[in-house]
Amino acid sequence: MPAREGAFPDARLLGAVAAGGVLGSLGRWAVGLALPHTAGGMPWATVVVNVTGAFAMGLLVAFLVDRPGVHRLLRPFVGVGMLGGWTTFSTLAVDVVQLGAADRVPVLLGYLVGTLVVGVAAVGAGAALGRRVWPGP
């Protein structure tokens, strides 16, 4: 059976996602080293990467919306790879479980709600700033 054309992404696309993922993941790891926390402690590193990643995603979307001619690998490199590696839902989930195990329920709830609210606000702020910096046609 012949391979269906377009069934697999090309090597440049995979390379762009992988390269961005390496950079984003290494950056997140460095933030974790700079802002360590104990199990059950406030995970500030996770807050920092998720909120800044949300802000950067807003900027990226604002930049891409009015630029259909932008290089086709920019979005996979920055959006999927770099920001995908930078931000982390799985670590947030582990942090929540550890806060619960440490019986820090008020901190757990503040962390969950605060991350969601501030993250959504950060996307909006990034998009608004991006539209000011790179106005559309």
Foldseek 3Di string as FASTA:
>chain_A
DDDDPPPDDDPVLVVLQAVLQVQQQVVLVVLCVVDPDDQLGQRVSQLVLLLVLLLVLLLVCLVCVQCVPPDPNPCSNNPNRNSVNNHDPVVLVSSLVSNVVVVVVVSSVCSVVVSVVSSVVSSVVSNVVNCVVDPHD
